[in-house]
Structures are given as structure tokens and as C-alpha cells.
Amino acid sequence: MKFIRDSVHGDLQLEEFEVSLADTPEIQRLRRIKQLGFTYLVYPGANHSRFEHSIGTMYLASRLALNLELDEDTQTLVRSCALLHDAGHGPFSHVSEGVIDSSHEELTSKLIKESQLGDILSEKFSINEIIKVISGKGPLGQIISGELDVDRMDYLLRDSYYTGVAYGVIDVERLIFNMKLDDGLILQSKGVQAAESMLLARYFMYPSVYQHHTTRIVNSMFRRCLKKLLEKKVITASEIYKYDDTDVISAARSQKGYINDIITRIDTRKLYKRVYSLKLDETTNPESVFQMSLEKINKIEEEIANEVGAHQDCILVDIPEYPAFHEMTTPVSLNGDTVKLGDVSNLVMALKDARFNHADLSIYLPEEYADQAFKLNFSDFLDIPD
């Protein structure tokens, strides 16, 4: 047995089996992956890692499994899945995920099958069962990856703590003690307010942290840089889960030309400038923006580049992350029936209508082209009905 002192949850207990998983190179790599990518350029305290989040998620999974009165072996399975759920994340977490075709869940499954993690896990469990739970399938999968899962609970608490943004404070105790397991996780009616609070926390954390305009600029710059590294085969997409943040930064610094310019700008925080922003709630069809093809985006970037006299790679059209808010479909036990959270909460339905309020399509470019760019009518390039 081992104890790890966590900044958010206090002393976390790991059994011998979990220690053997945590001590593998695959999980130790997560210490070198920033949980919030480049958000530290906005919030200097946001230097926490995927490893911290993983052990925190394991702790909350243990709390929930105990409350659900799962047997000891099933509790160990759930704890192990929580510990491993982010093992496939690439450098700077979700930032790199926006460049490659595979999700971190798919890469986690691949990593488990190919590494010593699979050997250790197979001593106690079926590898397919582990992957099923991590992928959110089956009743136990809802604990790790569902509408109100322990993954989300931990990252909201942790990201709020390290950024100093108070919106992420949620009532974890009330959520955990008002859940039951049937065909999946079901929230009891006494937990509705806590669920509303969690949805509100996510709603406010998006514009303040996850989709902060400066974070989006640097993320767009890094993704273009990473795309070039992949094209030059300096980094291999299928093995992105083997690299850490430092590996990719070092690889970019060793290059010349555009790649080196981008990483130097990030190193020195000389970021691109936002020259246009289109609020999606002001358009007649916000969904169409998220469906914009890569070909259309490339065409827009090329046309703007020609107008301002810049190289196309210097123009970045940034589509925001889709505000899904799956918590709205959380099953709630009410008077003997099971209904959706959105059906019993006016607040949740209001958030559904308001979820595009903070989303915007943005265009970034180097500051030296900004004056010319501000003279352009960007609506002519975008062709999006308002």
C-alpha cells in the first residue's frame, strides 16, 4: 500500500496492484503532460499534469464504487480503469488531439494492448472488459465516461483549483451519495441541484478557461506547428501517446523556418493577434460552422493570405469546440420513473439554449499583418448567413 498526497483530495491510497500500474513508464509519462495544455500562458498556476488528474479520478471512482456497494474485485477494476483512462493522451492533452485522427480513448485502448499495462491488468481482469469500461460502455463505463462521470468531477475541481477560477467548485459529495447503478448510473432526485451546479460550472469554465481567447490562439498555433511536424515525419501520429510535452517542443525547436518561428513565438509569448470574431449565437445556423469542411477552411485562409500579403500558414481560422453538455441527458430517478435531467430542470434547458453564447469563430494572424486585416470584410470570405 502507498499513499500519495494530492493537492485537491488529500491523501490518496493505492493498493499494491494499482502501484504496479502507476509505476509503469506509460503512466509516469503523464507527469510530463500538462492537463490544460498551454493554459499556463493565461493562468500561470495551471501547470498540473494528467498524472495528478488520473489519480484524482481514481480516488473519486473509488468513492463512488464504495457508495454503489460494488464488490471488492469490481471496485479494483473501476479504480484501475480510472487510473488508466487518460493514458493515451498526446502532448499538451487535448491540444494535440485536434490534429490526429484518433481520440485519446482509442489510443488508450491501443496502448493497453501493446504495453506492459496489458500484462499487469490481465493478471486480474479481461483486457476487453477494461477497455470497455474506459470507453464508457456498459453500466460501469458510466462511472468513468458518462454524463456525470468522475473524470469530469475531478477535472472541474482540479482545473478550478490550479487556475484560481472559482467556477469549477462543485458538490461532489452530494453527487456521489445520490447515484445508484442499474443499467447505468442514475441520479436520484435529491442530487438534481448538485448536477445543475456541475453543468453551470462547465458552462462558465469554458469561456473563462477551456476556450479562453488567448488559449485558443496559442492552441491554434501549436496545432499548425504539430501538423507540420507530422507532415515532415518528425513526429509519428500513430505513436503520439509515446511523446511528452518536452519531446514535441524540443523537436519543434530543432526545426527551421515556419515550425521554429511558431515555437519561438510560443516560447516568448509573442502570439498571433485575433483580427476577427463571429459570435455563433448571432448566426441563423450555428451548427453549420461546426460542419465547415477542411477544404473550405483552407480556401478561406488562402484568400485572406493573398489579401494581406502573407503566407497561407500564417492565417489561422479557428472553429470553437462544440458545446455538447451531455449532462443534460443524465437519467434521473423521480417518483418511480426515470427521466432526463433536462426534463426536470428549467435551468438545464436554459443552458441548452445558451450554450452557443460564448462560442465564436475566430481568425488569427501575425501582428505585422493586423492593420491590413482589419480593413477586410471577413464576411465575404466566410460566406456564413447571419
Protein backbone atom coordinates (compact mmCIF):
# COMPACT_ATOMS: atom_id res chain seq x y z
CA MET A 1 0.00 0.00 0.00
CA LYS A 2 1.18 3.51 -0.82
CA PHE A 3 -0.15 7.00 -0.11
CA ILE A 4 0.13 9.94 -2.49
CA ARG A 5 -0.54 13.44 -1.21
CA ASP A 6 -2.84 15.17 -3.68
CA SER A 7 -3.39 18.94 -3.72
CA VAL A 8 -7.14 18.60 -4.23
CA HIS A 9 -8.23 15.41 -2.42
CA GLY A 10 -5.55 14.97 0.26
CA ASP A 11 -4.00 11.54 0.95
CA LEU A 12 -4.85 9.03 -1.77
CA GLN A 13 -4.38 5.33 -1.07
CA LEU A 14 -3.04 2.97 -3.74
CA GLU A 15 -3.07 -0.78 -3.30
CA GLU A 16 -0.10 -2.85 -4.49
CA PHE A 17 -1.81 -3.70 -7.79
CA GLU A 18 -2.52 -0.03 -8.50
CA VAL A 19 1.03 0.93 -7.60
CA SER A 20 2.31 -1.55 -10.19
CA LEU A 21 0.14 0.18 -12.81
CA ALA A 22 1.08 3.71 -11.73
CA ASP A 23 4.80 2.92 -11.79
CA THR A 24 4.83 1.85 -15.45
CA PRO A 25 6.58 4.21 -17.91
CA GLU A 26 3.24 4.63 -19.71
CA ILE A 27 1.53 6.15 -16.67
CA GLN A 28 4.61 8.01 -15.41
CA ARG A 29 4.72 9.75 -18.81
CA LEU A 30 1.51 11.51 -17.76
CA ARG A 31 3.54 13.50 -15.21
CA ARG A 32 5.07 15.25 -18.23
CA ILE A 33 1.74 16.01 -19.95
CA LYS A 34 0.08 19.27 -18.88
CA GLN A 35 -3.58 18.77 -18.04
CA LEU A 36 -4.60 22.10 -19.59
CA GLY A 37 -2.05 22.30 -22.36
CA PHE A 38 -0.93 25.89 -22.91
CA THR A 39 -3.43 27.44 -20.49
CA TYR A 40 -0.47 28.25 -18.21
CA LEU A 41 0.25 31.14 -20.59
CA VAL A 42 -3.00 32.68 -19.33
CA TYR A 43 -3.14 31.27 -15.79
CA PRO A 44 0.46 30.78 -14.55
CA GLY A 45 -0.63 28.25 -11.93
CA ALA A 46 -2.12 25.85 -14.49
CA ASN A 47 0.89 23.53 -14.57
CA HIS A 48 -0.84 20.45 -13.18
CA SER A 49 -0.42 17.18 -15.04
CA ARG A 50 -2.50 14.34 -16.45
CA PHE A 51 -0.96 12.13 -13.76
CA GLU A 52 -2.46 14.24 -10.98
CA HIS A 53 -5.83 14.16 -12.69
CA SER A 54 -5.61 10.38 -13.18
CA ILE A 55 -5.00 9.61 -9.53
CA GLY A 56 -7.69 12.11 -8.55
CA THR A 57 -10.15 10.41 -10.88
CA MET A 58 -9.17 7.05 -9.37
CA TYR A 59 -9.92 8.42 -5.90
CA LEU A 60 -13.39 9.67 -6.89
CA ALA A 61 -14.10 6.41 -8.72
CA SER A 62 -13.24 4.57 -5.53
CA ARG A 63 -15.60 6.78 -3.51
CA LEU A 64 -18.42 6.24 -5.98
CA ALA A 65 -17.82 2.47 -6.28
CA LEU A 66 -17.91 2.17 -2.49
CA ASN A 67 -21.16 4.14 -2.30
CA LEU A 68 -22.67 1.90 -5.00
CA GLU A 69 -21.71 -1.11 -2.83
CA LEU A 70 -19.76 -2.83 -5.59
CA ASP A 71 -17.83 -5.94 -4.61
CA GLU A 72 -14.10 -5.67 -3.91
CA ASP A 73 -12.94 -7.01 -7.30
CA THR A 74 -15.26 -4.66 -9.17
CA GLN A 75 -14.04 -1.74 -7.10
CA THR A 76 -10.47 -2.59 -8.07
CA LEU A 77 -11.50 -2.81 -11.73
CA VAL A 78 -13.19 0.60 -11.60
CA ARG A 79 -10.23 2.18 -9.78
CA SER A 80 -7.79 0.72 -12.33
CA CYS A 81 -9.85 1.99 -15.26
CA ALA A 82 -9.99 5.45 -13.71
CA LEU A 83 -6.22 5.48 -13.24
CA LEU A 84 -5.63 4.46 -16.87
CA HIS A 85 -8.41 6.39 -18.61
CA ASP A 86 -6.11 9.14 -19.96
CA ALA A 87 -3.03 7.00 -20.70
CA GLY A 88 -3.38 7.60 -24.44
CA HIS A 89 -3.32 11.40 -24.28
CA GLY A 90 -0.76 13.03 -26.53
CA PRO A 91 1.44 16.03 -25.68
CA PHE A 92 -0.43 19.00 -24.21
CA SER A 93 -3.52 16.81 -23.81
CA HIS A 94 -6.49 17.78 -25.98
CA VAL A 95 -4.43 20.28 -27.98
CA SER A 96 -2.64 17.56 -29.93
CA GLU A 97 -5.84 15.51 -30.20
CA GLY A 98 -7.19 18.17 -32.55
CA VAL A 99 -4.53 17.28 -35.15
CA ILE A 100 -4.62 13.48 -35.27
CA ASP A 101 -7.47 11.25 -36.41
CA SER A 102 -7.67 9.09 -33.27
CA SER A 103 -9.23 10.09 -29.94
CA HIS A 104 -7.29 9.65 -26.71
CA GLU A 105 -9.75 6.89 -25.74
CA GLU A 106 -8.83 4.93 -28.87
CA LEU A 107 -5.13 5.47 -28.23
CA THR A 108 -5.56 4.40 -24.61
CA SER A 109 -7.07 1.11 -25.80
CA LYS A 110 -4.18 0.62 -28.22
CA LEU A 111 -1.60 1.43 -25.55
CA ILE A 112 -3.09 -1.04 -23.07
CA LYS A 113 -3.00 -3.83 -25.65
CA GLU A 114 0.58 -3.11 -26.76
CA SER A 115 2.35 -2.28 -23.48
CA GLN A 116 3.12 -3.88 -20.15
CA LEU A 117 -0.09 -2.36 -18.84
CA GLY A 118 -1.95 -5.17 -20.58
CA ASP A 119 0.27 -7.80 -18.96
CA ILE A 120 -0.32 -6.38 -15.48
CA LEU A 121 -4.06 -5.97 -15.97
CA SER A 122 -4.50 -9.47 -17.36
CA GLU A 123 -3.35 -10.89 -14.02
CA LYS A 124 -6.73 -9.86 -12.60
CA PHE A 125 -9.07 -8.82 -15.40
CA SER A 126 -10.05 -9.28 -19.02
CA ILE A 127 -8.34 -6.65 -21.17
CA ASN A 128 -11.51 -6.31 -23.24
CA GLU A 129 -13.52 -5.57 -20.08
CA ILE A 130 -11.04 -2.88 -19.04
CA ILE A 131 -11.21 -1.23 -22.47
CA LYS A 132 -15.00 -1.45 -22.45
CA VAL A 133 -15.24 0.39 -19.13
CA ILE A 134 -12.67 3.05 -20.11
CA SER A 135 -14.64 3.64 -23.32
CA GLY A 136 -17.79 4.36 -21.31
CA LYS A 137 -19.62 1.20 -22.34
CA GLY A 138 -21.82 -0.84 -20.01
CA PRO A 139 -23.09 0.21 -16.57
CA LEU A 140 -19.57 0.51 -15.08
CA GLY A 141 -18.41 2.60 -18.04
CA GLN A 142 -20.77 5.38 -16.98
CA ILE A 143 -18.66 5.84 -13.84
CA ILE A 144 -15.55 6.69 -15.90
CA SER A 145 -17.04 8.20 -19.05
CA GLY A 146 -20.70 9.13 -18.76
CA GLU A 147 -22.93 12.15 -18.34
CA LEU A 148 -21.91 12.80 -14.71
CA ASP A 149 -18.66 10.87 -14.50
CA VAL A 150 -15.79 11.02 -12.02
CA ASP A 151 -13.44 12.19 -14.77
CA ARG A 152 -15.46 15.38 -15.18
CA MET A 153 -15.84 15.86 -11.44
CA ASP A 154 -12.10 15.76 -10.89
CA TYR A 155 -11.04 17.97 -13.77
CA LEU A 156 -13.53 20.69 -12.85
CA LEU A 157 -12.31 20.74 -9.24
CA ARG A 158 -8.64 20.45 -10.22
CA ASP A 159 -8.68 22.98 -13.05
CA SER A 160 -10.54 25.46 -10.86
CA TYR A 161 -8.01 24.99 -8.05
CA TYR A 162 -4.91 25.48 -10.22
CA THR A 163 -6.22 28.35 -12.35
CA GLY A 164 -7.77 30.16 -9.41
CA VAL A 165 -11.08 30.40 -11.28
CA ALA A 166 -13.84 29.69 -8.77
CA TYR A 167 -16.47 28.50 -11.25
CA GLY A 168 -15.35 24.86 -11.07
CA VAL A 169 -16.32 24.33 -7.42
CA ILE A 170 -18.96 21.56 -7.38
CA ASP A 171 -20.72 19.48 -4.70
CA VAL A 172 -19.01 16.14 -5.30
CA GLU A 173 -20.27 14.68 -2.03
CA ARG A 174 -23.92 15.22 -2.91
CA LEU A 175 -23.42 13.88 -6.43
CA ILE A 176 -21.71 10.69 -5.25
CA PHE A 177 -24.19 9.94 -2.48
CA ASN A 178 -27.17 10.44 -4.78
CA MET A 179 -26.20 7.99 -7.51
CA LYS A 180 -27.31 4.42 -7.99
CA LEU A 181 -26.32 1.79 -10.55
CA ASP A 182 -28.87 -0.02 -12.69
CA ASP A 183 -28.36 -0.38 -16.45
CA GLY A 184 -26.16 2.65 -15.97
CA LEU A 185 -25.64 5.46 -13.48
CA ILE A 186 -28.88 7.06 -12.35
CA LEU A 187 -29.08 10.27 -10.35
CA GLN A 188 -31.60 10.38 -7.54
CA SER A 189 -33.84 13.44 -7.36
CA LYS A 190 -32.02 14.83 -4.30
CA GLY A 191 -28.92 15.23 -6.46
CA VAL A 192 -30.53 17.39 -9.16
CA GLN A 193 -29.28 20.68 -7.70
CA ALA A 194 -25.73 19.33 -7.48
CA ALA A 195 -25.97 18.21 -11.12
CA GLU A 196 -27.23 21.67 -12.12
CA SER A 197 -24.26 23.16 -10.28
CA MET A 198 -21.87 20.90 -12.18
CA LEU A 199 -23.39 21.86 -15.53
CA LEU A 200 -23.18 25.53 -14.61
CA ALA A 201 -19.54 25.06 -13.62
CA ARG A 202 -18.72 23.62 -17.03
CA TYR A 203 -20.71 26.35 -18.76
CA PHE A 204 -18.70 29.10 -17.05
CA MET A 205 -15.33 27.31 -17.17
CA TYR A 206 -15.46 27.11 -20.98
CA PRO A 207 -15.11 30.83 -21.79
CA SER A 208 -13.01 31.51 -18.68
CA VAL A 209 -10.52 28.64 -19.03
CA TYR A 210 -11.06 25.93 -21.64
CA GLN A 211 -11.98 28.27 -24.51
CA HIS A 212 -10.27 31.45 -23.28
CA HIS A 213 -9.46 33.51 -26.35
CA THR A 214 -5.70 33.62 -25.67
CA THR A 215 -5.59 29.88 -25.02
CA ARG A 216 -7.36 29.29 -28.32
CA ILE A 217 -4.81 31.42 -30.16
CA VAL A 218 -1.81 29.51 -28.81
CA ASN A 219 -3.59 26.17 -29.28
CA SER A 220 -4.23 27.02 -32.94
CA MET A 221 -0.60 28.00 -33.41
CA PHE A 222 0.67 24.81 -31.79
CA ARG A 223 -1.69 22.60 -33.78
CA ARG A 224 -0.45 24.09 -37.05
CA CYS A 225 3.11 23.57 -35.83
CA LEU A 226 2.37 19.94 -34.86
CA LYS A 227 0.68 19.33 -38.19
CA LYS A 228 3.89 20.41 -39.95
CA LEU A 229 5.96 18.13 -37.70
CA LEU A 230 3.70 15.22 -38.64
CA GLU A 231 3.92 16.06 -42.35
CA LYS A 232 7.72 16.08 -42.12
CA LYS A 233 7.55 12.77 -40.17
CA VAL A 234 9.48 14.29 -37.27
CA ILE A 235 6.59 13.05 -35.08
CA THR A 236 4.54 9.91 -35.84
CA ALA A 237 0.78 10.30 -35.41
CA SER A 238 0.14 6.64 -34.61
CA GLU A 239 2.65 6.84 -31.73
CA ILE A 240 1.62 10.24 -30.36
CA TYR A 241 0.92 8.60 -26.98
CA LYS A 242 4.64 7.85 -26.60
CA TYR A 243 5.70 11.52 -26.63
CA ASP A 244 5.50 14.02 -23.81
CA ASP A 245 5.31 17.83 -23.91
CA THR A 246 9.07 18.29 -23.87
CA ASP A 247 9.62 15.82 -26.73
CA VAL A 248 7.42 17.83 -29.09
CA ILE A 249 8.70 21.24 -28.01
CA SER A 250 12.32 20.05 -28.45
CA ALA A 251 11.52 18.57 -31.87
CA ALA A 252 9.95 21.86 -32.97
CA ARG A 253 12.88 23.92 -31.68
CA SER A 254 15.28 21.80 -33.73
CA GLN A 255 13.48 22.68 -36.96
CA LYS A 256 13.94 25.73 -39.15
CA GLY A 257 11.54 28.07 -40.91
CA TYR A 258 7.85 28.14 -40.07
CA ILE A 259 7.94 25.47 -37.35
CA ASN A 260 10.75 27.18 -35.49
CA ASP A 261 9.06 30.57 -35.85
CA ILE A 262 5.84 29.27 -34.29
CA ILE A 263 7.51 27.56 -31.35
CA THR A 264 9.69 30.63 -30.73
CA ARG A 265 6.58 32.79 -30.64
CA ILE A 266 5.02 30.42 -28.09
CA ASP A 267 8.24 30.32 -26.04
CA THR A 268 8.37 34.11 -25.89
CA ARG A 269 4.57 34.60 -25.76
CA LYS A 270 4.60 36.69 -28.94
CA LEU A 271 1.30 35.23 -30.06
CA TYR A 272 -0.78 35.82 -33.15
CA LYS A 273 -3.45 38.52 -32.96
CA ARG A 274 -7.17 37.93 -33.23
CA VAL A 275 -8.47 40.11 -36.08
CA TYR A 276 -12.00 38.74 -36.39
CA SER A 277 -14.57 37.04 -34.17
CA LEU A 278 -18.03 35.79 -35.16
CA LYS A 279 -20.35 35.00 -32.24
CA LEU A 280 -22.22 31.84 -33.19
CA ASP A 281 -25.38 32.81 -31.31
CA GLU A 282 -25.67 35.70 -33.77
CA THR A 283 -25.86 33.36 -36.78
CA THR A 284 -29.01 31.66 -38.04
CA ASN A 285 -27.41 28.22 -38.02
CA PRO A 286 -24.52 27.75 -35.55
CA GLU A 287 -24.35 24.03 -36.41
CA SER A 288 -23.17 24.85 -39.93
CA VAL A 289 -19.99 26.43 -38.57
CA PHE A 290 -19.01 23.20 -36.81
CA GLN A 291 -19.65 21.29 -40.04
CA MET A 292 -17.32 23.51 -42.08
CA SER A 293 -15.03 21.32 -44.18
CA LEU A 294 -11.24 21.43 -44.05
CA GLU A 295 -11.25 22.34 -47.74
CA LYS A 296 -13.37 25.42 -47.05
CA ILE A 297 -11.18 26.46 -44.12
CA ASN A 298 -8.05 26.13 -46.28
CA LYS A 299 -9.69 28.19 -49.01
CA ILE A 300 -10.61 30.96 -46.54
CA GLU A 301 -7.07 31.03 -45.15
CA GLU A 302 -5.60 31.18 -48.66
CA GLU A 303 -7.85 34.05 -49.74
CA ILE A 304 -7.12 36.11 -46.62
CA ALA A 305 -3.39 35.43 -47.01
CA ASN A 306 -3.47 36.74 -50.57
CA GLU A 307 -5.27 39.90 -49.45
CA VAL A 308 -2.77 40.78 -46.70
CA GLY A 309 0.36 39.50 -48.49
CA ALA A 310 1.16 36.73 -46.03
CA HIS A 311 1.87 33.02 -46.41
CA GLN A 312 -1.23 30.86 -46.03
CA ASP A 313 0.21 29.12 -42.97
CA CYS A 314 0.22 32.46 -41.17
CA ILE A 315 -3.58 32.66 -41.31
CA LEU A 316 -5.45 30.54 -38.77
CA VAL A 317 -9.23 30.05 -38.94
CA ASP A 318 -10.28 28.64 -35.57
CA ILE A 319 -13.57 26.76 -35.13
CA PRO A 320 -14.57 26.58 -31.44
CA GLU A 321 -15.05 23.33 -29.57
CA TYR A 322 -18.64 22.14 -29.83
CA PRO A 323 -20.51 22.90 -26.55
CA ALA A 324 -22.16 19.48 -26.13
CA PHE A 325 -23.07 19.41 -22.41
CA HIS A 326 -24.06 15.74 -22.26
CA GLU A 327 -25.10 16.17 -18.63
CA MET A 328 -28.48 17.31 -19.95
CA THR A 329 -29.34 13.68 -20.77
CA THR A 330 -28.41 12.33 -17.31
CA PRO A 331 -31.05 9.79 -16.17
CA VAL A 332 -32.85 10.96 -13.02
CA SER A 333 -34.96 8.76 -10.75
CA LEU A 334 -38.17 10.65 -9.97
CA ASN A 335 -41.29 9.22 -8.33
CA GLY A 336 -40.52 5.72 -9.54
CA ASP A 337 -39.83 6.80 -13.14
CA THR A 338 -36.58 7.54 -14.94
CA VAL A 339 -36.47 10.86 -16.79
CA LYS A 340 -33.73 13.05 -18.27
CA LEU A 341 -32.18 15.85 -16.24
CA GLY A 342 -33.23 18.34 -18.90
CA ASP A 343 -36.87 17.31 -18.40
CA VAL A 344 -36.91 18.16 -14.68
CA SER A 345 -34.67 21.22 -14.65
CA ASN A 346 -35.60 24.54 -16.22
CA LEU A 347 -32.04 25.70 -15.56
CA VAL A 348 -30.61 22.87 -17.64
CA MET A 349 -32.97 23.65 -20.52
CA ALA A 350 -31.96 27.31 -20.34
CA LEU A 351 -28.30 26.30 -20.58
CA LYS A 352 -29.09 24.19 -23.62
CA ASP A 353 -30.38 27.30 -25.37
CA ALA A 354 -27.48 29.43 -24.08
CA ARG A 355 -24.63 27.04 -24.90
CA PHE A 356 -23.63 28.92 -28.07
CA ASN A 357 -23.41 32.27 -26.23
CA HIS A 358 -19.66 32.05 -25.69
CA ALA A 359 -18.73 30.17 -28.88
CA ASP A 360 -17.19 32.13 -31.69
CA LEU A 361 -15.33 31.52 -34.92
CA SER A 362 -12.05 33.45 -34.83
CA ILE A 363 -9.28 34.37 -37.23
CA TYR A 364 -5.68 34.88 -36.10
CA LEU A 365 -2.54 36.10 -37.87
CA PRO A 366 0.85 37.67 -37.04
CA GLU A 367 0.59 41.17 -35.63
CA GLU A 368 2.51 42.71 -38.54
CA TYR A 369 -0.44 41.92 -40.85
CA ALA A 370 -3.14 43.04 -38.44
CA ASP A 371 -3.60 46.60 -39.75
CA GLN A 372 -4.22 45.30 -43.26
CA ALA A 373 -6.51 42.56 -41.98
CA PHE A 374 -8.71 44.96 -40.02
CA LYS A 375 -9.64 46.65 -43.33
CA LEU A 376 -11.09 43.43 -44.74
CA ASN A 377 -14.74 42.40 -44.74
CA PHE A 378 -14.33 38.88 -43.40
CA SER A 379 -17.97 38.01 -44.10
CA ASP A 380 -17.07 37.93 -47.79
CA PHE A 381 -14.58 35.13 -47.16
CA LEU A 382 -16.65 33.11 -44.69
CA ASP A 383 -20.00 33.10 -46.52
CA ILE A 384 -21.90 32.30 -43.30
CA PRO A 385 -25.51 33.56 -43.07
CA ASP A 386 -26.06 35.80 -40.04
